[in-house]
Amino acid sequence: MPDDDEDQPFVQRIGPIDVDWARSIGFYGGLAVAVAVEMIVPELALFIALVPLLKLLKRKRASIVEKFGAAVLEGAAKPLGGDAEEAVRPAWQDDEKDAKANGQAKAG
C-alpha cells in the first residue's frame, strides 16, 4: 500500500496490483484533456498512458525477454517522468518495502 496514510483511502488492491484511483484518474484524465484540446497528438498520449502499465512487466519472476523489454521501455519513459511514483503498481513491491522496513526496525 502507499507510503502516505493520506493516500490510503484511494488505493485499492485488485489481484496482484495496487491501484491509486485518485492519481490514476488525474493522470489519465489529464492525458484525455490534453488530447481533447489538441495539446498533444493521440499517439503520444497512448505511449504516455502505456508507460505505467508496461512498467508492470518489471518483476522478479519475469522472463529475461520481459525484463529486457521493461528496461527498454523504462529507458524510453525517462524523458516523460518515468521515475515518478506509479499510480498502478505491483502489490508485491509495497509488501517488499514493508518487509524491509520491519527488518530494519528490528535490527536497529
PDB file of N, CA and C in Angstrom:
ATOM      1  N   MET A   1       0.840  -1.181   0.000  1.00  0.00           N
ATOM      2  CA  MET A   1       0.000   0.000   0.000  1.00  0.00           C
ATOM      3  C   MET A   1       0.884   1.242   0.000  1.00  0.00           C
ATOM      4  N   PRO A   2       0.298   2.429  -0.183  1.00  0.00           N
ATOM      5  CA  PRO A   2       1.109   3.632  -0.302  1.00  0.00           C
ATOM      6  C   PRO A   2       1.805   3.983   0.989  1.00  0.00           C
ATOM      7  N   ASP A   3       2.900   4.765   0.839  1.00  0.00           N
ATOM      8  CA  ASP A   3       3.664   5.189   1.997  1.00  0.00           C
ATOM      9  C   ASP A   3       2.909   6.213   2.838  1.00  0.00           C
ATOM     10  N   ASP A   4       2.139   7.086   2.192  1.00  0.00           N
ATOM     11  CA  ASP A   4       1.439   8.144   2.895  1.00  0.00           C
ATOM     12  C   ASP A   4       0.073   7.664   3.356  1.00  0.00           C
ATOM     13  N   ASP A   5      -0.215   7.849   4.651  1.00  0.00           N
ATOM     14  CA  ASP A   5      -1.515   7.445   5.176  1.00  0.00           C
ATOM     15  C   ASP A   5      -2.653   8.213   4.525  1.00  0.00           C
ATOM     16  N   GLU A   6      -2.382   9.454   4.090  1.00  0.00           N
ATOM     17  CA  GLU A   6      -3.438  10.261   3.480  1.00  0.00           C
ATOM     18  C   GLU A   6      -3.888   9.706   2.139  1.00  0.00           C
ATOM     19  N   ASP A   7      -3.047   8.927   1.451  1.00  0.00           N
ATOM     20  CA  ASP A   7      -3.423   8.317   0.168  1.00  0.00           C
ATOM     21  C   ASP A   7      -4.147   6.985   0.348  1.00  0.00           C
ATOM     22  N   GLN A   8      -4.089   6.421   1.516  1.00  0.00           N
ATOM     23  CA  GLN A   8      -4.636   5.094   1.804  1.00  0.00           C
ATOM     24  C   GLN A   8      -6.085   4.910   1.338  1.00  0.00           C
ATOM     25  N   PRO A   9      -6.994   5.854   1.579  1.00  0.00           N
ATOM     26  CA  PRO A   9      -8.391   5.615   1.183  1.00  0.00           C
ATOM     27  C   PRO A   9      -8.606   5.512  -0.323  1.00  0.00           C
ATOM     28  N   PHE A  10      -7.645   5.967  -1.112  1.00  0.00           N
ATOM     29  CA  PHE A  10      -7.811   5.999  -2.560  1.00  0.00           C
ATOM     30  C   PHE A  10      -7.145   4.825  -3.255  1.00  0.00           C
ATOM     31  N   VAL A  11      -6.499   3.946  -2.512  1.00  0.00           N
ATOM     32  CA  VAL A  11      -5.771   2.820  -3.090  1.00  0.00           C
ATOM     33  C   VAL A  11      -6.557   1.542  -2.855  1.00  0.00           C
ATOM     34  N   GLN A  12      -6.685   0.765  -3.924  1.00  0.00           N
ATOM     35  CA  GLN A  12      -7.413  -0.498  -3.838  1.00  0.00           C
ATOM     36  C   GLN A  12      -6.554  -1.597  -4.445  1.00  0.00           C
ATOM     37  N   ARG A  13      -6.479  -2.709  -3.772  1.00  0.00           N
ATOM     38  CA  ARG A  13      -5.737  -3.864  -4.298  1.00  0.00           C
ATOM     39  C   ARG A  13      -6.681  -4.671  -5.173  1.00  0.00           C
ATOM     40  N   ILE A  14      -6.262  -4.873  -6.408  1.00  0.00           N
ATOM     41  CA  ILE A  14      -7.029  -5.679  -7.357  1.00  0.00           C
ATOM     42  C   ILE A  14      -6.101  -6.787  -7.823  1.00  0.00           C
ATOM     43  N   GLY A  15      -6.320  -7.973  -7.302  1.00  0.00           N
ATOM     44  CA  GLY A  15      -5.433  -9.091  -7.620  1.00  0.00           C
ATOM     45  C   GLY A  15      -4.020  -8.762  -7.186  1.00  0.00           C
ATOM     46  N   PRO A  16      -3.073  -8.860  -8.109  1.00  0.00           N
ATOM     47  CA  PRO A  16      -1.672  -8.637  -7.743  1.00  0.00           C
ATOM     48  C   PRO A  16      -1.202  -7.184  -7.863  1.00  0.00           C
ATOM     49  N   ILE A  17      -2.120  -6.231  -8.087  1.00  0.00           N
ATOM     50  CA  ILE A  17      -1.688  -4.844  -8.226  1.00  0.00           C
ATOM     51  C   ILE A  17      -2.455  -3.922  -7.282  1.00  0.00           C
ATOM     52  N   ASP A  18      -1.829  -2.813  -6.929  1.00  0.00           N
ATOM     53  CA  ASP A  18      -2.468  -1.746  -6.167  1.00  0.00           C
ATOM     54  C   ASP A  18      -2.787  -0.627  -7.139  1.00  0.00           C
ATOM     55  N   VAL A  19      -4.010  -0.120  -7.104  1.00  0.00           N
ATOM     56  CA  VAL A  19      -4.406   0.979  -7.977  1.00  0.00           C
ATOM     57  C   VAL A  19      -4.704   2.194  -7.105  1.00  0.00           C
ATOM     58  N   ASP A  20      -4.005   3.283  -7.354  1.00  0.00           N
ATOM     59  CA  ASP A  20      -4.258   4.558  -6.686  1.00  0.00           C
ATOM     60  C   ASP A  20      -5.246   5.299  -7.579  1.00  0.00           C
ATOM     61  N   TRP A  21      -6.519   5.232  -7.212  1.00  0.00           N
ATOM     62  CA  TRP A  21      -7.576   5.748  -8.077  1.00  0.00           C
ATOM     63  C   TRP A  21      -7.466   7.248  -8.309  1.00  0.00           C
ATOM     64  N   ALA A  22      -7.166   8.019  -7.283  1.00  0.00           N
ATOM     65  CA  ALA A  22      -7.081   9.470  -7.451  1.00  0.00           C
ATOM     66  C   ALA A  22      -5.979   9.849  -8.431  1.00  0.00           C
ATOM     67  N   ARG A  23      -4.801   9.274  -8.257  1.00  0.00           N
ATOM     68  CA  ARG A  23      -3.697   9.567  -9.175  1.00  0.00           C
ATOM     69  C   ARG A  23      -3.972   9.041 -10.577  1.00  0.00           C
ATOM     70  N   SER A  24      -4.588   7.875 -10.668  1.00  0.00           N
ATOM     71  CA  SER A  24      -4.898   7.301 -11.976  1.00  0.00           C
ATOM     72  C   SER A  24      -5.885   8.177 -12.739  1.00  0.00           C
ATOM     73  N   ILE A  25      -6.927   8.626 -12.054  1.00  0.00           N
ATOM     74  CA  ILE A  25      -7.918   9.495 -12.703  1.00  0.00           C
ATOM     75  C   ILE A  25      -7.264  10.802 -13.131  1.00  0.00           C
ATOM     76  N   GLY A  26      -6.421  11.357 -12.268  1.00  0.00           N
ATOM     77  CA  GLY A  26      -5.719  12.586 -12.615  1.00  0.00           C
ATOM     78  C   GLY A  26      -4.792  12.400 -13.798  1.00  0.00           C
ATOM     79  N   PHE A  27      -4.040  11.313 -13.802  1.00  0.00           N
ATOM     80  CA  PHE A  27      -3.076  11.042 -14.866  1.00  0.00           C
ATOM     81  C   PHE A  27      -3.777  10.815 -16.198  1.00  0.00           C
ATOM     82  N   TYR A  28      -4.700   9.836 -16.239  1.00  0.00           N
ATOM     83  CA  TYR A  28      -5.363   9.507 -17.491  1.00  0.00           C
ATOM     84  C   TYR A  28      -6.360  10.589 -17.901  1.00  0.00           C
ATOM     85  N   GLY A  29      -6.999  11.232 -16.939  1.00  0.00           N
ATOM     86  CA  GLY A  29      -7.896  12.341 -17.252  1.00  0.00           C
ATOM     87  C   GLY A  29      -7.138  13.511 -17.846  1.00  0.00           C
ATOM     88  N   GLY A  30      -5.961  13.813 -17.285  1.00  0.00           N
ATOM     89  CA  GLY A  30      -5.125  14.881 -17.823  1.00  0.00           C
ATOM     90  C   GLY A  30      -4.694  14.593 -19.250  1.00  0.00           C
ATOM     91  N   LEU A  31      -4.355  13.339 -19.524  1.00  0.00           N
ATOM     92  CA  LEU A  31      -3.999  12.963 -20.897  1.00  0.00           C
ATOM     93  C   LEU A  31      -5.187  13.139 -21.836  1.00  0.00           C
ATOM     94  N   ALA A  32      -6.366  12.735 -21.386  1.00  0.00           N
ATOM     95  CA  ALA A  32      -7.571  12.868 -22.219  1.00  0.00           C
ATOM     96  C   ALA A  32      -7.855  14.337 -22.532  1.00  0.00           C
ATOM     97  N   VAL A  33      -7.710  15.191 -21.524  1.00  0.00           N
ATOM     98  CA  VAL A  33      -7.930  16.627 -21.747  1.00  0.00           C
ATOM     99  C   VAL A  33      -6.888  17.178 -22.715  1.00  0.00           C
ATOM    100  N   ALA A  34      -5.636  16.770 -22.555  1.00  0.00           N
ATOM    101  CA  ALA A  34      -4.569  17.248 -23.443  1.00  0.00           C
ATOM    102  C   ALA A  34      -4.837  16.851 -24.889  1.00  0.00           C
ATOM    103  N   VAL A  35      -5.363  15.658 -25.105  1.00  0.00           N
ATOM    104  CA  VAL A  35      -5.702  15.222 -26.465  1.00  0.00           C
ATOM    105  C   VAL A  35      -6.931  15.995 -26.956  1.00  0.00           C
ATOM    106  N   ALA A  36      -7.909  16.162 -26.085  1.00  0.00           N
ATOM    107  CA  ALA A  36      -9.155  16.840 -26.483  1.00  0.00           C
ATOM    108  C   ALA A  36      -8.915  18.283 -26.922  1.00  0.00           C
ATOM    109  N   VAL A  37      -7.990  18.977 -26.258  1.00  0.00           N
ATOM    110  CA  VAL A  37      -7.713  20.377 -26.626  1.00  0.00           C
ATOM    111  C   VAL A  37      -6.528  20.469 -27.594  1.00  0.00           C
ATOM    112  N   GLU A  38      -6.129  19.314 -28.120  1.00  0.00           N
ATOM    113  CA  GLU A  38      -5.083  19.204 -29.137  1.00  0.00           C
ATOM    114  C   GLU A  38      -3.733  19.754 -28.689  1.00  0.00           C
ATOM    115  N   MET A  39      -3.416  19.553 -27.401  1.00  0.00           N
ATOM    116  CA  MET A  39      -2.080  19.910 -26.901  1.00  0.00           C
ATOM    117  C   MET A  39      -1.054  18.860 -27.304  1.00  0.00           C
ATOM    118  N   ILE A  40      -1.506  17.591 -27.355  1.00  0.00           N
ATOM    119  CA  ILE A  40      -0.641  16.503 -27.793  1.00  0.00           C
ATOM    120  C   ILE A  40      -1.426  15.616 -28.753  1.00  0.00           C
ATOM    121  N   VAL A  41      -0.695  14.910 -29.590  1.00  0.00           N
ATOM    122  CA  VAL A  41      -1.349  14.014 -30.549  1.00  0.00           C
ATOM    123  C   VAL A  41      -1.738  12.718 -29.832  1.00  0.00           C
ATOM    124  N   PRO A  42      -2.786  12.060 -30.305  1.00  0.00           N
ATOM    125  CA  PRO A  42      -3.248  10.838 -29.642  1.00  0.00           C
ATOM    126  C   PRO A  42      -2.175   9.747 -29.538  1.00  0.00           C
ATOM    127  N   GLU A  43      -1.290   9.645 -30.526  1.00  0.00           N
ATOM    128  CA  GLU A  43      -0.252   8.606 -30.491  1.00  0.00           C
ATOM    129  C   GLU A  43       0.697   8.822 -29.309  1.00  0.00           C
ATOM    130  N   LEU A  44       1.068  10.068 -29.067  1.00  0.00           N
ATOM    131  CA  LEU A  44       1.937  10.370 -27.931  1.00  0.00           C
ATOM    132  C   LEU A  44       1.206  10.104 -26.615  1.00  0.00           C
ATOM    133  N   ALA A  45      -0.058  10.486 -26.552  1.00  0.00           N
ATOM    134  CA  ALA A  45      -0.854  10.238 -25.351  1.00  0.00           C
ATOM    135  C   ALA A  45      -0.959   8.736 -25.070  1.00  0.00           C
ATOM    136  N   LEU A  46      -1.111   7.948 -26.115  1.00  0.00           N
ATOM    137  CA  LEU A  46      -1.190   6.496 -25.939  1.00  0.00           C
ATOM    138  C   LEU A  46       0.112   5.945 -25.376  1.00  0.00           C
ATOM    139  N   PHE A  47       1.251   6.402 -25.899  1.00  0.00           N
ATOM    140  CA  PHE A  47       2.540   5.957 -25.373  1.00  0.00           C
ATOM    141  C   PHE A  47       2.676   6.344 -23.899  1.00  0.00           C
ATOM    142  N   ILE A  48       2.349   7.582 -23.584  1.00  0.00           N
ATOM    143  CA  ILE A  48       2.445   8.051 -22.196  1.00  0.00           C
ATOM    144  C   ILE A  48       1.521   7.237 -21.300  1.00  0.00           C
ATOM    145  N   ALA A  49       0.326   6.939 -21.784  1.00  0.00           N
ATOM    146  CA  ALA A  49      -0.645   6.178 -20.995  1.00  0.00           C
ATOM    147  C   ALA A  49      -0.174   4.745 -20.746  1.00  0.00           C
ATOM    148  N   LEU A  50       0.569   4.182 -21.685  1.00  0.00           N
ATOM    149  CA  LEU A  50       1.014   2.793 -21.553  1.00  0.00           C
ATOM    150  C   LEU A  50       2.239   2.633 -20.654  1.00  0.00           C
ATOM    151  N   VAL A  51       3.000   3.701 -20.449  1.00  0.00           N
ATOM    152  CA  VAL A  51       4.231   3.592 -19.667  1.00  0.00           C
ATOM    153  C   VAL A  51       3.988   2.967 -18.285  1.00  0.00           C
ATOM    154  N   PRO A  52       3.035   3.463 -17.481  1.00  0.00           N
ATOM    155  CA  PRO A  52       2.840   2.835 -16.160  1.00  0.00           C
ATOM    156  C   PRO A  52       2.425   1.370 -16.254  1.00  0.00           C
ATOM    157  N   LEU A  53       1.634   1.038 -17.257  1.00  0.00           N
ATOM    158  CA  LEU A  53       1.198  -0.349 -17.404  1.00  0.00           C
ATOM    159  C   LEU A  53       2.339  -1.250 -17.869  1.00  0.00           C
ATOM    160  N   LEU A  54       3.179  -0.732 -18.755  1.00  0.00           N
ATOM    161  CA  LEU A  54       4.303  -1.522 -19.242  1.00  0.00           C
ATOM    162  C   LEU A  54       5.357  -1.731 -18.152  1.00  0.00           C
ATOM    163  N   LYS A  55       5.431  -0.809 -17.195  1.00  0.00           N
ATOM    164  CA  LYS A  55       6.385  -0.972 -16.096  1.00  0.00           C
ATOM    165  C   LYS A  55       6.011  -2.159 -15.212  1.00  0.00           C
ATOM    166  N   LEU A  56       4.771  -2.638 -15.328  1.00  0.00           N
ATOM    167  CA  LEU A  56       4.370  -3.829 -14.578  1.00  0.00           C
ATOM    168  C   LEU A  56       5.121  -5.071 -15.047  1.00  0.00           C
ATOM    169  N   LEU A  57       5.709  -5.014 -16.249  1.00  0.00           N
ATOM    170  CA  LEU A  57       6.495  -6.150 -16.752  1.00  0.00           C
ATOM    171  C   LEU A  57       7.760  -6.367 -15.928  1.00  0.00           C
ATOM    172  N   LYS A  58       8.184  -5.337 -15.230  1.00  0.00           N
ATOM    173  CA  LYS A  58       9.423  -5.421 -14.452  1.00  0.00           C
ATOM    174  C   LYS A  58       9.104  -6.055 -13.093  1.00  0.00           C
ATOM    175  N   ARG A  59       9.302  -7.350 -13.024  1.00  0.00           N
ATOM    176  CA  ARG A  59       9.020  -8.082 -11.787  1.00  0.00           C
ATOM    177  C   ARG A  59      10.051  -9.189 -11.624  1.00  0.00           C
ATOM    178  N   LYS A  60      10.156  -9.698 -10.426  1.00  0.00           N
ATOM    179  CA  LYS A  60      11.192 -10.690 -10.117  1.00  0.00           C
ATOM    180  C   LYS A  60      11.077 -11.954 -10.958  1.00  0.00           C
ATOM    181  N   ARG A  61       9.858 -12.444 -11.151  1.00  0.00           N
ATOM    182  CA  ARG A  61       9.677 -13.714 -11.832  1.00  0.00           C
ATOM    183  C   ARG A  61       9.504 -13.581 -13.344  1.00  0.00           C
ATOM    184  N   ALA A  62       9.796 -12.417 -13.893  1.00  0.00           N
ATOM    185  CA  ALA A  62       9.657 -12.210 -15.339  1.00  0.00           C
ATOM    186  C   ALA A  62      10.752 -12.948 -16.092  1.00  0.00           C
ATOM    187  N   SER A  63      10.443 -13.308 -17.323  1.00  0.00           N
ATOM    188  CA  SER A  63      11.455 -13.939 -18.172  1.00  0.00           C
ATOM    189  C   SER A  63      12.485 -12.883 -18.555  1.00  0.00           C
ATOM    190  N   ILE A  64      13.601 -13.327 -19.082  1.00  0.00           N
ATOM    191  CA  ILE A  64      14.661 -12.410 -19.484  1.00  0.00           C
ATOM    192  C   ILE A  64      14.170 -11.482 -20.598  1.00  0.00           C
ATOM    193  N   VAL A  65      13.301 -11.980 -21.465  1.00  0.00           N
ATOM    194  CA  VAL A  65      12.742 -11.162 -22.544  1.00  0.00           C
ATOM    195  C   VAL A  65      11.862 -10.058 -21.961  1.00  0.00           C
ATOM    196  N   GLU A  66      11.018 -10.407 -20.996  1.00  0.00           N
ATOM    197  CA  GLU A  66      10.159  -9.406 -20.357  1.00  0.00           C
ATOM    198  C   GLU A  66      10.992  -8.363 -19.615  1.00  0.00           C
ATOM    199  N   LYS A  67      12.023  -8.819 -18.903  1.00  0.00           N
ATOM    200  CA  LYS A  67      12.888  -7.883 -18.176  1.00  0.00           C
ATOM    201  C   LYS A  67      13.603  -6.935 -19.135  1.00  0.00           C
ATOM    202  N   PHE A  68      14.076  -7.473 -20.254  1.00  0.00           N
ATOM    203  CA  PHE A  68      14.748  -6.643 -21.243  1.00  0.00           C
ATOM    204  C   PHE A  68      13.771  -5.611 -21.820  1.00  0.00           C
ATOM    205  N   GLY A  69      12.591  -6.077 -22.190  1.00  0.00           N
ATOM    206  CA  GLY A  69      11.573  -5.172 -22.736  1.00  0.00           C
ATOM    207  C   GLY A  69      11.188  -4.089 -21.745  1.00  0.00           C
ATOM    208  N   ALA A  70      11.044  -4.467 -20.482  1.00  0.00           N
ATOM    209  CA  ALA A  70      10.704  -3.487 -19.445  1.00  0.00           C
ATOM    210  C   ALA A  70      11.816  -2.458 -19.281  1.00  0.00           C
ATOM    211  N   ALA A  71      13.069  -2.914 -19.349  1.00  0.00           N
ATOM    212  CA  ALA A  71      14.197  -1.990 -19.211  1.00  0.00           C
ATOM    213  C   ALA A  71      14.255  -1.012 -20.381  1.00  0.00           C
ATOM    214  N   VAL A  72      14.001  -1.504 -21.586  1.00  0.00           N
ATOM    215  CA  VAL A  72      13.989  -0.634 -22.766  1.00  0.00           C
ATOM    216  C   VAL A  72      12.878   0.402 -22.645  1.00  0.00           C
ATOM    217  N   LEU A  73      11.697  -0.051 -22.253  1.00  0.00           N
ATOM    218  CA  LEU A  73      10.560   0.876 -22.114  1.00  0.00           C
ATOM    219  C   LEU A  73      10.789   1.874 -20.990  1.00  0.00           C
ATOM    220  N   GLU A  74      11.418   1.413 -19.915  1.00  0.00           N
ATOM    221  CA  GLU A  74      11.728   2.317 -18.808  1.00  0.00           C
ATOM    222  C   GLU A  74      12.702   3.404 -19.274  1.00  0.00           C
ATOM    223  N   GLY A  75      13.663   3.011 -20.074  1.00  0.00           N
ATOM    224  CA  GLY A  75      14.604   3.988 -20.621  1.00  0.00           C
ATOM    225  C   GLY A  75      13.913   4.983 -21.533  1.00  0.00           C
ATOM    226  N   ALA A  76      12.992   4.511 -22.345  1.00  0.00           N
ATOM    227  CA  ALA A  76      12.249   5.399 -23.242  1.00  0.00           C
ATOM    228  C   ALA A  76      11.340   6.339 -22.458  1.00  0.00           C
ATOM    229  N   ALA A  77      10.903   5.911 -21.288  1.00  0.00           N
ATOM    230  CA  ALA A  77       9.978   6.708 -20.483  1.00  0.00           C
ATOM    231  C   ALA A  77      10.679   7.769 -19.650  1.00  0.00           C
ATOM    232  N   LYS A  78      11.995   7.686 -19.478  1.00  0.00           N
ATOM    233  CA  LYS A  78      12.720   8.644 -18.635  1.00  0.00           C
ATOM    234  C   LYS A  78      12.389  10.097 -18.969  1.00  0.00           C
ATOM    235  N   PRO A  79      12.394  10.489 -20.249  1.00  0.00           N
ATOM    236  CA  PRO A  79      12.073  11.887 -20.548  1.00  0.00           C
ATOM    237  C   PRO A  79      10.644  12.274 -20.175  1.00  0.00           C
ATOM    238  N   LEU A  80       9.783  11.284 -19.988  1.00  0.00           N
ATOM    239  CA  LEU A  80       8.383  11.545 -19.661  1.00  0.00           C
ATOM    240  C   LEU A  80       8.119  11.464 -18.166  1.00  0.00           C
ATOM    241  N   GLY A  81       9.144  11.465 -17.360  1.00  0.00           N
ATOM    242  CA  GLY A  81       8.946  11.344 -15.921  1.00  0.00           C
ATOM    243  C   GLY A  81       8.793   9.899 -15.496  1.00  0.00           C
ATOM    244  N   GLY A  82       9.510   9.011 -16.154  1.00  0.00           N
ATOM    245  CA  GLY A  82       9.413   7.584 -15.866  1.00  0.00           C
ATOM    246  C   GLY A  82       9.866   7.207 -14.473  1.00  0.00           C
ATOM    247  N   ASP A  83      10.500   8.138 -13.744  1.00  0.00           N
ATOM    248  CA  ASP A  83      10.929   7.838 -12.382  1.00  0.00           C
ATOM    249  C   ASP A  83       9.873   8.201 -11.344  1.00  0.00           C
ATOM    250  N   ALA A  84       8.763   8.769 -11.769  1.00  0.00           N
ATOM    251  CA  ALA A  84       7.715   9.172 -10.831  1.00  0.00           C
ATOM    252  C   ALA A  84       7.059   7.941 -10.224  1.00  0.00           C
ATOM    253  N   GLU A  85       6.433   8.123  -9.073  1.00  0.00           N
ATOM    254  CA  GLU A  85       5.723   7.029  -8.426  1.00  0.00           C
ATOM    255  C   GLU A  85       4.565   6.595  -9.311  1.00  0.00           C
ATOM    256  N   GLU A  86       4.395   5.289  -9.443  1.00  0.00           N
ATOM    257  CA  GLU A  86       3.352   4.764 -10.304  1.00  0.00           C
ATOM    258  C   GLU A  86       1.985   4.888  -9.657  1.00  0.00           C
ATOM    259  N   ALA A  87       0.972   5.138 -10.481  1.00  0.00           N
ATOM    260  CA  ALA A  87      -0.394   5.157  -9.995  1.00  0.00           C
ATOM    261  C   ALA A  87      -0.954   3.735  -9.954  1.00  0.00           C
ATOM    262  N   VAL A  88      -0.457   2.881 -10.820  1.00  0.00           N
ATOM    263  CA  VAL A  88      -0.801   1.465 -10.838  1.00  0.00           C
ATOM    264  C   VAL A  88       0.505   0.734 -10.642  1.00  0.00           C
ATOM    265  N   ARG A  89       0.615  -0.051  -9.574  1.00  0.00           N
ATOM    266  CA  ARG A  89       1.885  -0.686  -9.260  1.00  0.00           C
ATOM    267  C   ARG A  89       1.655  -2.093  -8.722  1.00  0.00           C
ATOM    268  N   PRO A  90       2.640  -2.967  -8.912  1.00  0.00           N
ATOM    269  CA  PRO A  90       2.517  -4.325  -8.372  1.00  0.00           C
ATOM    270  C   PRO A  90       2.432  -4.281  -6.847  1.00  0.00           C
ATOM    271  N   ALA A  91       1.508  -5.012  -6.293  1.00  0.00           N
ATOM    272  CA  ALA A  91       1.303  -5.013  -4.846  1.00  0.00           C
ATOM    273  C   ALA A  91       2.514  -5.558  -4.107  1.00  0.00           C
ATOM    274  N   TRP A  92       3.237  -6.508  -4.720  1.00  0.00           N
ATOM    275  CA  TRP A  92       4.372  -7.105  -4.023  1.00  0.00           C
ATOM    276  C   TRP A  92       5.490  -6.104  -3.783  1.00  0.00           C
ATOM    277  N   GLN A  93       5.577  -5.026  -4.569  1.00  0.00           N
ATOM    278  CA  GLN A  93       6.604  -4.010  -4.311  1.00  0.00           C
ATOM    279  C   GLN A  93       6.386  -3.377  -2.947  1.00  0.00           C
ATOM    280  N   ASP A  94       5.138  -3.060  -2.633  1.00  0.00           N
ATOM    281  CA  ASP A  94       4.835  -2.469  -1.339  1.00  0.00           C
ATOM    282  C   ASP A  94       5.055  -3.480  -0.215  1.00  0.00           C
ATOM    283  N   ASP A  95       4.726  -4.750  -0.487  1.00  0.00           N
ATOM    284  CA  ASP A  95       4.943  -5.784   0.523  1.00  0.00           C
ATOM    285  C   ASP A  95       6.436  -5.930   0.834  1.00  0.00           C
ATOM    286  N   GLU A  96       7.272  -5.849  -0.221  1.00  0.00           N
ATOM    287  CA  GLU A  96       8.718  -5.947  -0.022  1.00  0.00           C
ATOM    288  C   GLU A  96       9.251  -4.742   0.746  1.00  0.00           C
ATOM    289  N   LYS A  97       8.736  -3.554   0.452  1.00  0.00           N
ATOM    290  CA  LYS A  97       9.145  -2.349   1.180  1.00  0.00           C
ATOM    291  C   LYS A  97       8.793  -2.481   2.661  1.00  0.00           C
ATOM    292  N   ASP A  98       7.584  -2.995   2.933  1.00  0.00           N
ATOM    293  CA  ASP A  98       7.159  -3.175   4.327  1.00  0.00           C
ATOM    294  C   ASP A  98       8.058  -4.176   5.050  1.00  0.00           C
ATOM    295  N   ALA A  99       8.396  -5.265   4.351  1.00  0.00           N
ATOM    296  CA  ALA A  99       9.245  -6.288   4.958  1.00  0.00           C
ATOM    297  C   ALA A  99      10.627  -5.720   5.268  1.00  0.00           C
ATOM    298  N   LYS A 100      11.186  -4.937   4.341  1.00  0.00           N
ATOM    299  CA  LYS A 100      12.493  -4.334   4.566  1.00  0.00           C
ATOM    300  C   LYS A 100      12.439  -3.351   5.724  1.00  0.00           C
ATOM    301  N   ALA A 101      11.385  -2.555   5.783  1.00  0.00           N
ATOM    302  CA  ALA A 101      11.249  -1.575   6.874  1.00  0.00           C
ATOM    303  C   ALA A 101      11.125  -2.277   8.218  1.00  0.00           C
ATOM    304  N   ASN A 102      10.377  -3.351   8.263  1.00  0.00           N
ATOM    305  CA  ASN A 102      10.235  -4.102   9.516  1.00  0.00           C
ATOM    306  C   ASN A 102      11.543  -4.772   9.903  1.00  0.00           C
ATOM    307  N   GLY A 103      12.274  -5.273   8.933  1.00  0.00           N
ATOM    308  CA  GLY A 103      13.552  -5.906   9.203  1.00  0.00           C
ATOM    309  C   GLY A 103      14.572  -4.907   9.730  1.00  0.00           C
ATOM    310  N   GLN A 104      14.576  -3.706   9.145  1.00  0.00           N
ATOM    311  CA  GLN A 104      15.493  -2.682   9.583  1.00  0.00           C
ATOM    312  C   GLN A 104      15.120  -2.179  10.968  1.00  0.00           C
ATOM    313  N   ALA A 105      13.821  -2.103  11.245  1.00  0.00           N
ATOM    314  CA  ALA A 105      13.376  -1.621  12.559  1.00  0.00           C
ATOM    315  C   ALA A 105      13.784  -2.623  13.646  1.00  0.00           C
ATOM    316  N   LYS A 106      13.692  -3.927  13.323  1.00  0.00           N
ATOM    317  CA  LYS A 106      14.072  -4.945  14.295  1.00  0.00           C
ATOM    318  C   LYS A 106      15.575  -4.964  14.535  1.00  0.00           C
ATOM    319  N   ALA A 107      16.340  -4.731  13.451  1.00  0.00           N
ATOM    320  CA  ALA A 107      17.798  -4.776  13.580  1.00  0.00           C
ATOM    321  C   ALA A 107      18.333  -3.582  14.363  1.00  0.00           C
ATOM    322  N   GLY A 108      17.608  -2.438  14.324  1.00  0.00           N
ATOM    323  CA  GLY A 108      18.089  -1.219  14.975  1.00  0.00           C
ATOM    324  C   GLY A 108      17.667  -1.101  16.345  1.00  0.00           C
TER     325      GLY A 108
END
